[in-house]
Amino acid sequence: MFKLIFRTVIITVFLIFLSVALALWKGGEPFRYFGEGVMVVGKSIMKFGDLVDDFVSGSKKIHKSYNDLKGVIINDDKKAKDWKDK
């Protein structure tokens, strides 16, 4: 367990030094590139969320139509049974 904690701390410290060195050497350009990539992913997620919202609102309409159709079919079956009984 101690080895895992020690390795995690060492990796974290290494990544901090690496990011500071990269910022000093390149002037923040790699971070800007990373930020733009994150923005592209965020826009894609927003589009997917809008698609899901449209799907959910469409499914509510379909569910309502299905219930209406089911009600008509059940009523027709009751009328057919009533007609057979007479």
N, C-alpha and C. Protein backbone atom coordinates (compact mmCIF):
# COMPACT_ATOMS: atom_id res chain seq x y z
N MET A 1 0.82 -1.20 0.00
CA MET A 1 0.00 0.00 0.00
C MET A 1 0.86 1.25 0.00
N PHE A 2 1.97 1.18 0.76
CA PHE A 2 2.87 2.32 0.82
C PHE A 2 3.51 2.60 -0.53
N LYS A 3 3.80 1.53 -1.29
CA LYS A 3 4.39 1.70 -2.62
C LYS A 3 3.41 2.42 -3.55
N LEU A 4 2.15 2.07 -3.46
CA LEU A 4 1.14 2.71 -4.30
C LEU A 4 1.02 4.20 -4.00
N ILE A 5 0.98 4.54 -2.73
CA ILE A 5 0.90 5.94 -2.33
C ILE A 5 2.15 6.69 -2.77
N PHE A 6 3.31 6.10 -2.56
CA PHE A 6 4.58 6.72 -2.93
C PHE A 6 4.64 6.95 -4.45
N ARG A 7 4.24 5.97 -5.24
CA ARG A 7 4.26 6.11 -6.70
C ARG A 7 3.27 7.17 -7.17
N THR A 8 2.11 7.24 -6.55
CA THR A 8 1.12 8.25 -6.90
C THR A 8 1.65 9.65 -6.62
N VAL A 9 2.30 9.82 -5.48
CA VAL A 9 2.86 11.13 -5.13
C VAL A 9 3.98 11.49 -6.11
N ILE A 10 4.85 10.55 -6.43
CA ILE A 10 5.95 10.80 -7.36
C ILE A 10 5.42 11.17 -8.75
N ILE A 11 4.42 10.47 -9.23
CA ILE A 11 3.84 10.78 -10.54
C ILE A 11 3.20 12.15 -10.53
N THR A 12 2.50 12.50 -9.46
CA THR A 12 1.87 13.82 -9.35
C THR A 12 2.91 14.92 -9.36
N VAL A 13 3.98 14.76 -8.59
CA VAL A 13 5.05 15.76 -8.56
C VAL A 13 5.71 15.88 -9.93
N PHE A 14 5.95 14.75 -10.57
CA PHE A 14 6.54 14.76 -11.91
C PHE A 14 5.66 15.51 -12.91
N LEU A 15 4.36 15.27 -12.87
CA LEU A 15 3.45 15.96 -13.79
C LEU A 15 3.39 17.46 -13.52
N ILE A 16 3.48 17.85 -12.26
CA ILE A 16 3.50 19.28 -11.92
C ILE A 16 4.75 19.93 -12.49
N PHE A 17 5.93 19.32 -12.26
CA PHE A 17 7.17 19.87 -12.81
C PHE A 17 7.15 19.88 -14.34
N LEU A 18 6.62 18.86 -14.92
CA LEU A 18 6.53 18.79 -16.38
C LEU A 18 5.65 19.90 -16.94
N SER A 19 4.51 20.14 -16.31
CA SER A 19 3.61 21.19 -16.81
C SER A 19 4.22 22.58 -16.60
N VAL A 20 4.92 22.81 -15.51
CA VAL A 20 5.58 24.10 -15.28
C VAL A 20 6.70 24.31 -16.30
N ALA A 21 7.49 23.28 -16.54
CA ALA A 21 8.57 23.38 -17.52
C ALA A 21 8.02 23.61 -18.92
N LEU A 22 6.96 22.94 -19.25
CA LEU A 22 6.34 23.11 -20.57
C LEU A 22 5.77 24.52 -20.73
N ALA A 23 5.18 25.04 -19.68
CA ALA A 23 4.64 26.40 -19.73
C ALA A 23 5.76 27.43 -19.89
N LEU A 24 6.87 27.23 -19.22
CA LEU A 24 8.00 28.16 -19.35
C LEU A 24 8.67 28.05 -20.72
N TRP A 25 8.76 26.83 -21.24
CA TRP A 25 9.47 26.61 -22.48
C TRP A 25 8.64 27.01 -23.70
N LYS A 26 7.38 26.60 -23.77
CA LYS A 26 6.53 26.85 -24.93
C LYS A 26 5.63 28.06 -24.76
N GLY A 27 5.53 28.61 -23.59
CA GLY A 27 4.72 29.81 -23.40
C GLY A 27 3.23 29.57 -23.36
N GLY A 28 2.78 28.40 -23.06
CA GLY A 28 1.36 28.15 -22.89
C GLY A 28 0.64 27.66 -24.14
N GLU A 29 1.34 27.54 -25.27
CA GLU A 29 0.70 27.10 -26.51
C GLU A 29 0.11 25.68 -26.39
N PRO A 30 0.80 24.73 -25.79
CA PRO A 30 0.20 23.39 -25.65
C PRO A 30 -1.06 23.40 -24.79
N PHE A 31 -1.09 24.28 -23.78
CA PHE A 31 -2.28 24.36 -22.93
C PHE A 31 -3.45 24.96 -23.69
N ARG A 32 -3.15 25.92 -24.57
CA ARG A 32 -4.18 26.53 -25.39
C ARG A 32 -4.77 25.47 -26.34
N TYR A 33 -3.89 24.66 -26.93
CA TYR A 33 -4.33 23.59 -27.81
C TYR A 33 -5.22 22.60 -27.05
N PHE A 34 -4.81 22.25 -25.85
CA PHE A 34 -5.61 21.35 -25.01
C PHE A 34 -6.97 21.98 -24.69
N GLY A 35 -6.97 23.27 -24.38
CA GLY A 35 -8.23 23.97 -24.08
C GLY A 35 -9.17 23.99 -25.27
N GLU A 36 -8.62 24.21 -26.47
CA GLU A 36 -9.46 24.19 -27.67
C GLU A 36 -10.04 22.80 -27.91
N GLY A 37 -9.24 21.78 -27.64
CA GLY A 37 -9.73 20.40 -27.78
C GLY A 37 -10.86 20.12 -26.81
N VAL A 38 -10.74 20.63 -25.60
CA VAL A 38 -11.79 20.44 -24.60
C VAL A 38 -13.06 21.17 -25.04
N MET A 39 -12.90 22.34 -25.66
CA MET A 39 -14.07 23.08 -26.15
C MET A 39 -14.80 22.31 -27.24
N VAL A 40 -14.05 21.66 -28.13
CA VAL A 40 -14.66 20.86 -29.19
C VAL A 40 -15.45 19.70 -28.59
N VAL A 41 -14.87 19.05 -27.61
CA VAL A 41 -15.56 17.94 -26.94
C VAL A 41 -16.82 18.45 -26.24
N GLY A 42 -16.72 19.61 -25.59
CA GLY A 42 -17.88 20.19 -24.91
C GLY A 42 -19.01 20.51 -25.88
N LYS A 43 -18.67 21.05 -27.05
CA LYS A 43 -19.70 21.34 -28.05
C LYS A 43 -20.35 20.06 -28.56
N SER A 44 -19.54 19.02 -28.73
CA SER A 44 -20.10 17.73 -29.16
C SER A 44 -21.05 17.17 -28.12
N ILE A 45 -20.69 17.30 -26.87
CA ILE A 45 -21.55 16.81 -25.78
C ILE A 45 -22.85 17.61 -25.75
N MET A 46 -22.77 18.93 -25.98
CA MET A 46 -23.98 19.75 -26.00
C MET A 46 -24.90 19.32 -27.14
N LYS A 47 -24.33 19.05 -28.33
CA LYS A 47 -25.14 18.59 -29.47
C LYS A 47 -25.80 17.25 -29.15
N PHE A 48 -25.05 16.36 -28.50
CA PHE A 48 -25.61 15.07 -28.12
C PHE A 48 -26.73 15.24 -27.11
N GLY A 49 -26.55 16.16 -26.16
CA GLY A 49 -27.61 16.45 -25.18
C GLY A 49 -28.87 16.98 -25.84
N ASP A 50 -28.69 17.86 -26.84
CA ASP A 50 -29.85 18.37 -27.57
C ASP A 50 -30.56 17.25 -28.33
N LEU A 51 -29.77 16.34 -28.90
CA LEU A 51 -30.35 15.19 -29.60
C LEU A 51 -31.16 14.32 -28.65
N VAL A 52 -30.64 14.08 -27.46
CA VAL A 52 -31.35 13.27 -26.47
C VAL A 52 -32.62 13.98 -26.03
N ASP A 53 -32.56 15.30 -25.84
CA ASP A 53 -33.76 16.06 -25.46
C ASP A 53 -34.84 15.96 -26.53
N ASP A 54 -34.43 16.08 -27.80
CA ASP A 54 -35.39 15.94 -28.90
C ASP A 54 -35.98 14.53 -28.93
N PHE A 55 -35.14 13.54 -28.68
CA PHE A 55 -35.61 12.17 -28.67
C PHE A 55 -36.62 11.93 -27.55
N VAL A 56 -36.33 12.48 -26.37
CA VAL A 56 -37.23 12.30 -25.23
C VAL A 56 -38.56 12.99 -25.49
N SER A 57 -38.53 14.22 -26.02
CA SER A 57 -39.79 14.91 -26.30
C SER A 57 -40.57 14.18 -27.40
N GLY A 58 -39.86 13.63 -28.38
CA GLY A 58 -40.52 12.84 -29.42
C GLY A 58 -41.10 11.56 -28.87
N SER A 59 -40.41 10.95 -27.92
CA SER A 59 -40.91 9.70 -27.36
C SER A 59 -42.16 9.94 -26.53
N LYS A 60 -42.27 11.11 -25.91
CA LYS A 60 -43.49 11.41 -25.16
C LYS A 60 -44.67 11.51 -26.11
N LYS A 61 -44.47 12.11 -27.27
CA LYS A 61 -45.53 12.20 -28.28
C LYS A 61 -45.91 10.81 -28.77
N ILE A 62 -44.90 9.98 -29.02
CA ILE A 62 -45.16 8.61 -29.49
C ILE A 62 -45.87 7.82 -28.41
N HIS A 63 -45.47 7.99 -27.16
CA HIS A 63 -46.11 7.28 -26.05
C HIS A 63 -47.58 7.68 -25.92
N LYS A 64 -47.86 8.97 -26.10
CA LYS A 64 -49.24 9.44 -26.03
C LYS A 64 -50.06 8.84 -27.18
N SER A 65 -49.48 8.83 -28.39
CA SER A 65 -50.18 8.25 -29.53
C SER A 65 -50.42 6.76 -29.32
N TYR A 66 -49.43 6.08 -28.74
CA TYR A 66 -49.56 4.65 -28.46
C TYR A 66 -50.69 4.40 -27.47
N ASN A 67 -50.75 5.21 -26.41
CA ASN A 67 -51.82 5.04 -25.43
C ASN A 67 -53.18 5.30 -26.05
N ASP A 68 -53.28 6.32 -26.90
CA ASP A 68 -54.55 6.59 -27.59
C ASP A 68 -54.95 5.41 -28.47
N LEU A 69 -53.99 4.88 -29.22
CA LEU A 69 -54.26 3.75 -30.09
C LEU A 69 -54.64 2.51 -29.27
N LYS A 70 -53.95 2.31 -28.16
CA LYS A 70 -54.25 1.17 -27.29
C LYS A 70 -55.67 1.30 -26.73
N GLY A 71 -56.05 2.53 -26.37
CA GLY A 71 -57.40 2.74 -25.87
C GLY A 71 -58.45 2.42 -26.92
N VAL A 72 -58.18 2.80 -28.16
CA VAL A 72 -59.13 2.50 -29.24
C VAL A 72 -59.23 1.00 -29.46
N ILE A 73 -58.10 0.31 -29.44
CA ILE A 73 -58.12 -1.14 -29.67
C ILE A 73 -58.85 -1.85 -28.54
N ILE A 74 -58.62 -1.44 -27.31
CA ILE A 74 -59.30 -2.08 -26.18
C ILE A 74 -60.79 -1.84 -26.26
N ASN A 75 -61.20 -0.63 -26.61
CA ASN A 75 -62.62 -0.33 -26.74
C ASN A 75 -63.24 -1.13 -27.87
N ASP A 76 -62.51 -1.31 -28.99
CA ASP A 76 -63.03 -2.12 -30.09
C ASP A 76 -63.18 -3.58 -29.68
N ASP A 77 -62.23 -4.08 -28.88
CA ASP A 77 -62.34 -5.46 -28.40
C ASP A 77 -63.54 -5.62 -27.48
N LYS A 78 -63.81 -4.64 -26.63
CA LYS A 78 -64.97 -4.72 -25.74
C LYS A 78 -66.26 -4.68 -26.55
N LYS A 79 -66.30 -3.85 -27.58
CA LYS A 79 -67.49 -3.78 -28.43
C LYS A 79 -67.71 -5.09 -29.16
N ALA A 80 -66.61 -5.72 -29.61
CA ALA A 80 -66.73 -7.00 -30.31
C ALA A 80 -67.23 -8.08 -29.36
N LYS A 81 -66.75 -8.09 -28.11
CA LYS A 81 -67.22 -9.07 -27.14
C LYS A 81 -68.70 -8.83 -26.81
N ASP A 82 -69.08 -7.56 -26.65
CA ASP A 82 -70.47 -7.25 -26.40
C ASP A 82 -71.36 -7.70 -27.55
N TRP A 83 -70.88 -7.54 -28.75
CA TRP A 83 -71.66 -7.93 -29.93
C TRP A 83 -71.80 -9.45 -30.00
N LYS A 84 -70.72 -10.19 -29.61
CA LYS A 84 -70.77 -11.64 -29.62
C LYS A 84 -71.75 -12.14 -28.54
N ASP A 85 -71.79 -11.47 -27.39
CA ASP A 85 -72.65 -11.89 -26.31
C ASP A 85 -74.12 -11.72 -26.66
N LYS A 86 -74.43 -10.79 -27.49
CA LYS A 86 -75.85 -10.55 -27.84
C LYS A 86 -76.29 -11.53 -28.83
